[in-house]
N, C-alpha and C. Protein backbone atom coordinates (compact mmCIF):
# COMPACT_ATOMS: atom_id res chain seq x y z
N MET A 1 9.47 23.63 5.81
CA MET A 1 9.20 22.37 6.47
C MET A 1 7.70 22.26 6.73
N THR A 2 7.12 21.12 6.39
CA THR A 2 5.69 20.94 6.61
C THR A 2 5.43 20.51 8.05
N LYS A 3 4.33 20.96 8.56
CA LYS A 3 3.94 20.66 9.93
C LYS A 3 3.30 19.27 9.98
N ALA A 4 3.64 18.51 11.00
CA ALA A 4 3.02 17.19 11.18
C ALA A 4 1.52 17.35 11.39
N LYS A 5 0.78 16.46 10.80
CA LYS A 5 -0.68 16.52 10.86
C LYS A 5 -1.19 15.30 11.63
N PRO A 6 -1.99 15.50 12.66
CA PRO A 6 -2.48 14.36 13.41
C PRO A 6 -3.55 13.58 12.64
N HIS A 7 -3.54 12.29 12.83
CA HIS A 7 -4.57 11.41 12.29
C HIS A 7 -5.19 10.68 13.47
N LEU A 8 -6.48 10.69 13.57
CA LEU A 8 -7.17 10.05 14.68
C LEU A 8 -7.76 8.72 14.23
N TYR A 9 -7.65 7.71 15.07
CA TYR A 9 -8.20 6.38 14.77
C TYR A 9 -9.14 6.02 15.92
N ARG A 10 -10.41 5.93 15.59
CA ARG A 10 -11.42 5.66 16.61
C ARG A 10 -11.95 4.24 16.44
N VAL A 11 -11.93 3.52 17.52
CA VAL A 11 -12.51 2.19 17.57
C VAL A 11 -13.34 2.10 18.84
N GLU A 12 -14.14 1.06 18.91
CA GLU A 12 -14.89 0.77 20.13
C GLU A 12 -14.56 -0.65 20.55
N VAL A 13 -14.16 -0.81 21.79
CA VAL A 13 -13.89 -2.13 22.35
C VAL A 13 -14.92 -2.36 23.45
N THR A 14 -15.73 -3.41 23.26
CA THR A 14 -16.82 -3.69 24.18
C THR A 14 -16.67 -5.09 24.78
N TRP A 15 -16.59 -5.16 26.08
CA TRP A 15 -16.52 -6.43 26.77
C TRP A 15 -17.88 -7.11 26.69
N THR A 16 -17.91 -8.34 26.24
CA THR A 16 -19.16 -9.10 26.10
C THR A 16 -19.14 -10.34 26.98
N GLY A 17 -18.21 -10.41 27.90
CA GLY A 17 -17.99 -11.64 28.66
C GLY A 17 -18.59 -11.70 30.05
N ASN A 18 -19.57 -10.85 30.36
CA ASN A 18 -20.22 -10.95 31.67
C ASN A 18 -21.12 -12.18 31.66
N THR A 19 -20.77 -13.17 32.45
CA THR A 19 -21.56 -14.42 32.49
C THR A 19 -22.66 -14.36 33.54
N GLY A 20 -22.91 -13.18 34.09
CA GLY A 20 -23.98 -13.01 35.05
C GLY A 20 -23.52 -12.52 36.41
N THR A 21 -22.24 -12.68 36.70
CA THR A 21 -21.73 -12.23 38.00
C THR A 21 -20.60 -11.22 37.85
N GLY A 22 -20.40 -10.71 36.65
CA GLY A 22 -19.35 -9.74 36.42
C GLY A 22 -17.99 -10.30 36.77
N THR A 23 -17.15 -9.46 37.35
CA THR A 23 -15.79 -9.88 37.70
C THR A 23 -15.71 -10.27 39.18
N GLN A 24 -16.70 -11.00 39.62
CA GLN A 24 -16.76 -11.44 41.02
C GLN A 24 -15.50 -12.23 41.41
N SER A 25 -14.97 -12.98 40.47
CA SER A 25 -13.70 -13.68 40.67
C SER A 25 -12.99 -13.79 39.33
N TYR A 26 -11.70 -14.14 39.36
CA TYR A 26 -10.90 -14.23 38.13
C TYR A 26 -11.47 -15.26 37.17
N SER A 27 -12.05 -16.31 37.69
CA SER A 27 -12.59 -17.36 36.81
C SER A 27 -14.08 -17.19 36.52
N ALA A 28 -14.69 -16.15 37.04
CA ALA A 28 -16.13 -15.97 36.89
C ALA A 28 -16.55 -15.30 35.59
N TYR A 29 -15.65 -14.72 34.87
CA TYR A 29 -16.03 -13.97 33.67
C TYR A 29 -15.31 -14.48 32.44
N ASP A 30 -15.92 -14.25 31.30
CA ASP A 30 -15.35 -14.62 30.02
C ASP A 30 -14.54 -13.44 29.48
N ARG A 31 -13.52 -13.72 28.71
CA ARG A 31 -12.65 -12.65 28.18
C ARG A 31 -13.13 -12.14 26.82
N ALA A 32 -14.30 -12.54 26.40
CA ALA A 32 -14.83 -12.16 25.09
C ALA A 32 -15.06 -10.65 25.00
N HIS A 33 -14.74 -10.10 23.85
CA HIS A 33 -15.01 -8.70 23.56
C HIS A 33 -15.08 -8.51 22.05
N THR A 34 -15.65 -7.41 21.63
CA THR A 34 -15.71 -7.09 20.21
C THR A 34 -14.97 -5.78 19.98
N ILE A 35 -14.37 -5.71 18.80
CA ILE A 35 -13.68 -4.51 18.36
C ILE A 35 -14.40 -4.03 17.12
N THR A 36 -14.87 -2.80 17.15
CA THR A 36 -15.61 -2.27 16.01
C THR A 36 -15.08 -0.87 15.66
N ALA A 37 -15.35 -0.49 14.43
CA ALA A 37 -15.08 0.86 13.94
C ALA A 37 -16.20 1.18 12.95
N ALA A 38 -16.44 2.43 12.74
CA ALA A 38 -17.54 2.85 11.88
C ALA A 38 -17.47 2.18 10.51
N ASP A 39 -18.58 1.65 10.08
CA ASP A 39 -18.75 1.06 8.75
C ASP A 39 -17.85 -0.15 8.47
N LYS A 40 -17.45 -0.86 9.52
CA LYS A 40 -16.60 -2.04 9.36
C LYS A 40 -17.18 -3.20 10.15
N PRO A 41 -16.91 -4.42 9.70
CA PRO A 41 -17.40 -5.57 10.47
C PRO A 41 -16.68 -5.67 11.81
N ALA A 42 -17.37 -6.23 12.77
CA ALA A 42 -16.80 -6.41 14.11
C ALA A 42 -15.76 -7.52 14.09
N ILE A 43 -14.79 -7.39 14.96
CA ILE A 43 -13.79 -8.43 15.18
C ILE A 43 -14.11 -9.07 16.52
N ALA A 44 -14.35 -10.38 16.50
CA ALA A 44 -14.56 -11.10 17.75
C ALA A 44 -13.21 -11.40 18.36
N ALA A 45 -13.00 -10.97 19.59
CA ALA A 45 -11.70 -11.11 20.23
C ALA A 45 -11.84 -11.70 21.62
N SER A 46 -10.72 -12.14 22.15
CA SER A 46 -10.67 -12.71 23.49
C SER A 46 -9.22 -12.58 23.98
N ALA A 47 -8.95 -13.15 25.12
CA ALA A 47 -7.58 -13.22 25.60
C ALA A 47 -6.92 -14.45 24.99
N ASP A 48 -5.60 -14.50 25.07
CA ASP A 48 -4.87 -15.71 24.70
C ASP A 48 -5.37 -16.85 25.60
N PRO A 49 -5.47 -18.06 25.07
CA PRO A 49 -5.94 -19.17 25.90
C PRO A 49 -5.15 -19.35 27.20
N ILE A 50 -3.88 -18.97 27.21
CA ILE A 50 -3.07 -19.05 28.44
C ILE A 50 -3.69 -18.19 29.54
N PHE A 51 -4.41 -17.15 29.14
CA PHE A 51 -5.02 -16.22 30.09
C PHE A 51 -6.54 -16.39 30.14
N ARG A 52 -6.98 -17.63 29.97
CA ARG A 52 -8.39 -18.02 30.07
C ARG A 52 -9.22 -17.52 28.89
N GLY A 53 -8.60 -17.30 27.75
CA GLY A 53 -9.29 -16.81 26.58
C GLY A 53 -9.78 -17.92 25.66
N ASP A 54 -10.53 -17.51 24.65
CA ASP A 54 -11.11 -18.41 23.66
C ASP A 54 -10.15 -18.55 22.48
N LYS A 55 -9.65 -19.76 22.25
CA LYS A 55 -8.66 -19.97 21.19
C LYS A 55 -9.23 -19.76 19.79
N THR A 56 -10.54 -19.69 19.65
CA THR A 56 -11.14 -19.49 18.32
C THR A 56 -11.27 -18.01 17.95
N LYS A 57 -10.87 -17.12 18.86
CA LYS A 57 -10.97 -15.68 18.60
C LYS A 57 -9.57 -15.06 18.62
N TYR A 58 -9.44 -13.95 17.89
CA TYR A 58 -8.18 -13.22 17.90
C TYR A 58 -7.91 -12.65 19.28
N ASN A 59 -6.64 -12.62 19.66
CA ASN A 59 -6.28 -11.99 20.93
C ASN A 59 -5.43 -10.75 20.65
N PRO A 60 -5.27 -9.87 21.64
CA PRO A 60 -4.53 -8.62 21.39
C PRO A 60 -3.11 -8.84 20.90
N GLU A 61 -2.46 -9.90 21.36
CA GLU A 61 -1.10 -10.16 20.95
C GLU A 61 -1.04 -10.50 19.46
N GLU A 62 -1.96 -11.32 18.99
CA GLU A 62 -2.02 -11.64 17.55
C GLU A 62 -2.33 -10.40 16.73
N LEU A 63 -3.22 -9.56 17.24
CA LEU A 63 -3.58 -8.35 16.50
C LEU A 63 -2.41 -7.37 16.41
N LEU A 64 -1.57 -7.32 17.45
CA LEU A 64 -0.38 -6.47 17.39
C LEU A 64 0.59 -6.98 16.33
N VAL A 65 0.84 -8.28 16.32
CA VAL A 65 1.74 -8.87 15.32
C VAL A 65 1.17 -8.64 13.91
N ALA A 66 -0.15 -8.85 13.75
CA ALA A 66 -0.79 -8.63 12.45
C ALA A 66 -0.70 -7.17 12.03
N SER A 67 -0.83 -6.24 12.96
CA SER A 67 -0.72 -4.81 12.63
C SER A 67 0.67 -4.47 12.12
N LEU A 68 1.69 -5.00 12.76
CA LEU A 68 3.06 -4.76 12.31
C LEU A 68 3.27 -5.32 10.90
N SER A 69 2.79 -6.53 10.67
CA SER A 69 2.94 -7.16 9.37
C SER A 69 2.18 -6.40 8.29
N SER A 70 0.96 -6.03 8.59
CA SER A 70 0.11 -5.33 7.63
C SER A 70 0.68 -3.97 7.27
N CYS A 71 1.12 -3.22 8.25
CA CYS A 71 1.69 -1.89 8.00
C CYS A 71 2.94 -2.01 7.13
N HIS A 72 3.81 -2.96 7.47
CA HIS A 72 5.02 -3.16 6.67
C HIS A 72 4.66 -3.51 5.23
N MET A 73 3.71 -4.43 5.06
CA MET A 73 3.31 -4.85 3.71
C MET A 73 2.77 -3.68 2.90
N LEU A 74 1.91 -2.88 3.50
CA LEU A 74 1.31 -1.76 2.76
C LEU A 74 2.37 -0.75 2.34
N TRP A 75 3.33 -0.44 3.21
CA TRP A 75 4.42 0.45 2.82
C TRP A 75 5.27 -0.18 1.73
N TYR A 76 5.55 -1.47 1.87
CA TYR A 76 6.37 -2.17 0.90
C TYR A 76 5.73 -2.13 -0.49
N LEU A 77 4.45 -2.44 -0.57
CA LEU A 77 3.75 -2.42 -1.86
C LEU A 77 3.76 -1.02 -2.47
N HIS A 78 3.59 -0.01 -1.63
CA HIS A 78 3.63 1.39 -2.08
C HIS A 78 5.01 1.69 -2.69
N LEU A 79 6.06 1.33 -1.98
CA LEU A 79 7.41 1.60 -2.46
C LEU A 79 7.73 0.82 -3.73
N CYS A 80 7.25 -0.41 -3.81
CA CYS A 80 7.46 -1.22 -5.03
C CYS A 80 6.76 -0.57 -6.22
N ALA A 81 5.55 -0.11 -6.02
CA ALA A 81 4.82 0.53 -7.12
C ALA A 81 5.59 1.76 -7.61
N GLU A 82 6.10 2.55 -6.68
CA GLU A 82 6.87 3.73 -7.07
C GLU A 82 8.17 3.36 -7.79
N ALA A 83 8.79 2.25 -7.41
CA ALA A 83 10.08 1.84 -7.98
C ALA A 83 9.93 0.92 -9.19
N GLN A 84 8.71 0.70 -9.62
CA GLN A 84 8.39 -0.17 -10.75
C GLN A 84 8.87 -1.61 -10.53
N VAL A 85 8.77 -2.06 -9.28
CA VAL A 85 8.97 -3.46 -8.93
C VAL A 85 7.56 -4.05 -8.86
N VAL A 86 7.25 -4.95 -9.79
CA VAL A 86 5.88 -5.46 -9.89
C VAL A 86 5.72 -6.71 -9.02
N VAL A 87 5.01 -6.53 -7.92
CA VAL A 87 4.73 -7.62 -6.99
C VAL A 87 3.44 -8.30 -7.42
N THR A 88 3.47 -9.62 -7.52
CA THR A 88 2.25 -10.37 -7.89
C THR A 88 1.71 -11.19 -6.71
N ARG A 89 2.52 -11.37 -5.68
CA ARG A 89 2.06 -12.13 -4.51
C ARG A 89 2.89 -11.71 -3.31
N TYR A 90 2.23 -11.62 -2.15
CA TYR A 90 2.91 -11.26 -0.91
C TYR A 90 2.22 -12.02 0.20
N VAL A 91 2.96 -12.81 0.93
CA VAL A 91 2.42 -13.50 2.10
C VAL A 91 3.47 -13.43 3.20
N ASP A 92 3.03 -13.16 4.41
CA ASP A 92 3.95 -13.03 5.53
C ASP A 92 3.56 -14.03 6.61
N TYR A 93 4.55 -14.56 7.27
CA TYR A 93 4.35 -15.49 8.38
C TYR A 93 5.08 -14.93 9.60
N PRO A 94 4.59 -13.82 10.15
CA PRO A 94 5.31 -13.18 11.25
C PRO A 94 5.19 -13.97 12.55
N ILE A 95 6.20 -13.78 13.39
CA ILE A 95 6.22 -14.41 14.71
C ILE A 95 6.53 -13.34 15.74
N GLY A 96 5.67 -13.22 16.74
CA GLY A 96 5.91 -12.30 17.84
C GLY A 96 6.34 -13.08 19.06
N THR A 97 7.35 -12.58 19.75
CA THR A 97 7.83 -13.21 20.98
C THR A 97 7.49 -12.30 22.15
N MET A 98 6.69 -12.83 23.07
CA MET A 98 6.32 -12.08 24.27
C MET A 98 6.90 -12.78 25.47
N MET A 99 7.49 -12.01 26.35
CA MET A 99 8.08 -12.56 27.57
C MET A 99 7.15 -12.24 28.74
N ALA A 100 6.66 -13.28 29.39
CA ALA A 100 5.78 -13.11 30.54
C ALA A 100 6.62 -12.86 31.78
N ALA A 101 6.16 -11.97 32.63
CA ALA A 101 6.84 -11.65 33.88
C ALA A 101 6.23 -12.49 35.01
N ALA A 102 6.96 -12.63 36.08
CA ALA A 102 6.51 -13.43 37.22
C ALA A 102 5.21 -12.89 37.82
N ASP A 103 5.00 -11.58 37.72
CA ASP A 103 3.79 -10.98 38.30
C ASP A 103 2.57 -11.07 37.39
N GLY A 104 2.71 -11.76 36.24
CA GLY A 104 1.59 -11.91 35.32
C GLY A 104 1.60 -10.93 34.16
N GLY A 105 2.39 -9.87 34.27
CA GLY A 105 2.51 -8.91 33.18
C GLY A 105 3.48 -9.45 32.13
N GLY A 106 4.01 -8.57 31.34
CA GLY A 106 4.98 -8.99 30.34
C GLY A 106 5.07 -7.98 29.23
N GLN A 107 5.89 -8.31 28.25
CA GLN A 107 6.02 -7.43 27.10
C GLN A 107 6.62 -8.21 25.94
N PHE A 108 6.42 -7.68 24.76
CA PHE A 108 7.03 -8.27 23.58
C PHE A 108 8.52 -7.98 23.61
N SER A 109 9.31 -8.98 23.22
CA SER A 109 10.75 -8.78 23.13
C SER A 109 11.17 -8.58 21.68
N LYS A 110 10.36 -9.07 20.73
CA LYS A 110 10.64 -8.85 19.31
C LYS A 110 9.49 -9.39 18.47
N VAL A 111 9.45 -8.91 17.24
CA VAL A 111 8.58 -9.47 16.21
C VAL A 111 9.45 -9.69 14.98
N LEU A 112 9.32 -10.85 14.39
CA LEU A 112 10.05 -11.19 13.17
C LEU A 112 9.06 -11.32 12.02
N LEU A 113 9.22 -10.45 11.02
CA LEU A 113 8.42 -10.53 9.80
C LEU A 113 9.15 -11.46 8.84
N ARG A 114 8.41 -12.33 8.17
CA ARG A 114 9.03 -13.28 7.23
C ARG A 114 8.26 -13.31 5.91
N PRO A 115 8.21 -12.16 5.22
CA PRO A 115 7.43 -12.10 3.98
C PRO A 115 8.07 -12.87 2.84
N ILE A 116 7.23 -13.54 2.08
CA ILE A 116 7.64 -14.18 0.83
C ILE A 116 6.97 -13.38 -0.27
N VAL A 117 7.80 -12.75 -1.10
CA VAL A 117 7.31 -11.83 -2.13
C VAL A 117 7.64 -12.40 -3.50
N THR A 118 6.64 -12.42 -4.36
CA THR A 118 6.84 -12.84 -5.74
C THR A 118 6.76 -11.61 -6.64
N VAL A 119 7.78 -11.46 -7.49
CA VAL A 119 7.82 -10.31 -8.40
C VAL A 119 7.91 -10.81 -9.84
N MET A 120 7.53 -9.96 -10.76
CA MET A 120 7.63 -10.28 -12.18
C MET A 120 9.10 -10.40 -12.57
N PRO A 121 9.43 -11.27 -13.56
CA PRO A 121 10.83 -11.48 -13.95
C PRO A 121 11.56 -10.21 -14.37
N GLN A 122 10.87 -9.24 -14.95
CA GLN A 122 11.53 -8.01 -15.38
C GLN A 122 11.83 -7.06 -14.21
N SER A 123 11.32 -7.39 -13.02
CA SER A 123 11.57 -6.55 -11.84
C SER A 123 12.96 -6.82 -11.28
N ASP A 124 13.51 -5.83 -10.63
CA ASP A 124 14.83 -5.93 -10.02
C ASP A 124 14.69 -6.61 -8.66
N ALA A 125 15.10 -7.87 -8.56
CA ALA A 125 14.94 -8.64 -7.32
C ALA A 125 15.81 -8.08 -6.19
N VAL A 126 16.97 -7.53 -6.51
CA VAL A 126 17.83 -6.94 -5.49
C VAL A 126 17.16 -5.70 -4.90
N LEU A 127 16.60 -4.86 -5.76
CA LEU A 127 15.87 -3.69 -5.29
C LEU A 127 14.65 -4.13 -4.49
N ALA A 128 13.97 -5.16 -4.95
CA ALA A 128 12.79 -5.67 -4.23
C ALA A 128 13.15 -6.04 -2.80
N ALA A 129 14.30 -6.63 -2.60
CA ALA A 129 14.75 -6.99 -1.26
C ALA A 129 15.09 -5.75 -0.43
N LYS A 130 15.77 -4.78 -1.06
CA LYS A 130 16.19 -3.57 -0.35
C LYS A 130 15.00 -2.71 0.08
N LEU A 131 13.93 -2.75 -0.67
CA LEU A 131 12.76 -1.92 -0.34
C LEU A 131 12.14 -2.30 1.00
N HIS A 132 12.43 -3.50 1.48
CA HIS A 132 11.93 -3.88 2.81
C HIS A 132 12.53 -2.99 3.89
N ASP A 133 13.78 -2.58 3.73
CA ASP A 133 14.40 -1.69 4.71
C ASP A 133 13.68 -0.34 4.74
N GLN A 134 13.36 0.18 3.57
CA GLN A 134 12.65 1.45 3.51
C GLN A 134 11.24 1.32 4.09
N ALA A 135 10.59 0.20 3.79
CA ALA A 135 9.24 -0.02 4.34
C ALA A 135 9.29 -0.04 5.86
N HIS A 136 10.31 -0.68 6.40
CA HIS A 136 10.45 -0.74 7.86
C HIS A 136 10.64 0.66 8.45
N GLU A 137 11.44 1.48 7.79
CA GLU A 137 11.68 2.85 8.27
C GLU A 137 10.41 3.68 8.26
N LYS A 138 9.51 3.41 7.33
CA LYS A 138 8.29 4.21 7.19
C LYS A 138 7.10 3.67 7.98
N CYS A 139 7.15 2.42 8.39
CA CYS A 139 6.00 1.78 9.04
C CYS A 139 5.62 2.50 10.33
N PHE A 140 4.40 3.02 10.37
CA PHE A 140 3.90 3.76 11.53
C PHE A 140 3.90 2.89 12.79
N ILE A 141 3.50 1.65 12.63
CA ILE A 141 3.36 0.77 13.78
C ILE A 141 4.74 0.39 14.32
N ALA A 142 5.66 0.00 13.44
CA ALA A 142 7.01 -0.35 13.88
C ALA A 142 7.70 0.83 14.56
N ASN A 143 7.41 2.03 14.09
CA ASN A 143 8.00 3.22 14.71
C ASN A 143 7.36 3.56 16.05
N SER A 144 6.32 2.87 16.42
CA SER A 144 5.58 3.17 17.64
C SER A 144 5.79 2.16 18.76
N VAL A 145 6.49 1.07 18.49
CA VAL A 145 6.68 0.05 19.52
C VAL A 145 8.09 0.15 20.10
N ASN A 146 8.26 -0.39 21.30
CA ASN A 146 9.53 -0.27 22.00
C ASN A 146 10.34 -1.56 22.00
N PHE A 147 10.13 -2.38 21.00
CA PHE A 147 10.88 -3.62 20.85
C PHE A 147 11.30 -3.75 19.40
N PRO A 148 12.32 -4.57 19.11
CA PRO A 148 12.79 -4.70 17.73
C PRO A 148 11.77 -5.41 16.83
N VAL A 149 11.64 -4.89 15.62
CA VAL A 149 10.87 -5.54 14.57
C VAL A 149 11.87 -5.86 13.48
N GLN A 150 12.08 -7.13 13.27
CA GLN A 150 13.06 -7.58 12.28
C GLN A 150 12.33 -8.11 11.05
N CYS A 151 13.02 -8.10 9.92
CA CYS A 151 12.42 -8.57 8.68
C CYS A 151 13.39 -9.46 7.94
N GLU A 152 12.94 -10.67 7.64
CA GLU A 152 13.73 -11.61 6.85
C GLU A 152 12.94 -11.98 5.60
N PRO A 153 13.01 -11.12 4.57
CA PRO A 153 12.21 -11.35 3.37
C PRO A 153 12.82 -12.40 2.45
N SER A 154 11.97 -13.00 1.67
CA SER A 154 12.37 -13.91 0.61
C SER A 154 11.75 -13.39 -0.67
N ILE A 155 12.57 -13.20 -1.71
CA ILE A 155 12.08 -12.67 -2.98
C ILE A 155 12.13 -13.81 -4.00
N GLN A 156 11.01 -14.02 -4.70
CA GLN A 156 10.93 -15.04 -5.74
C GLN A 156 10.50 -14.37 -7.03
N LEU A 157 10.95 -14.94 -8.14
CA LEU A 157 10.52 -14.45 -9.44
C LEU A 157 9.31 -15.23 -9.90
N GLU A 158 8.35 -14.51 -10.48
CA GLU A 158 7.16 -15.14 -11.07
C GLU A 158 7.64 -16.13 -12.16
N PRO A 159 7.12 -17.35 -12.15
CA PRO A 159 7.57 -18.33 -13.18
C PRO A 159 7.16 -17.90 -14.59
């Protein structure tokens, strides 16, 4: 049996929203921050607009949903390549549902992945659909959250 090997992921999250008075009051500061990692472009982020954030920037909730979708997609493409299912297009429209609590906290209750996958006509469309289950089982992010991640894939044949 092989021993599990740790992988470390280092990022830097820097608050850039001090408008001059710090967190003197809840409305006194901006929720702007940047997310960076070595040799990668910065991600401009904020809170959800419901929480006084900037709607033009990504918020943590969107990034969590995107992480789940991205991880699933990467595993799926890997499994398709191994199974000789030739994918020519993959687009997902995931939806995350977060339930806010009365005290201002909250948690996600589910994320629904809705990938539309196009495969070459010689590929096995039934297998292409089944590989989503395997991708879900392998997804590091889905295996790390405490809420259901569901997948409703659509498989199309390349014209």
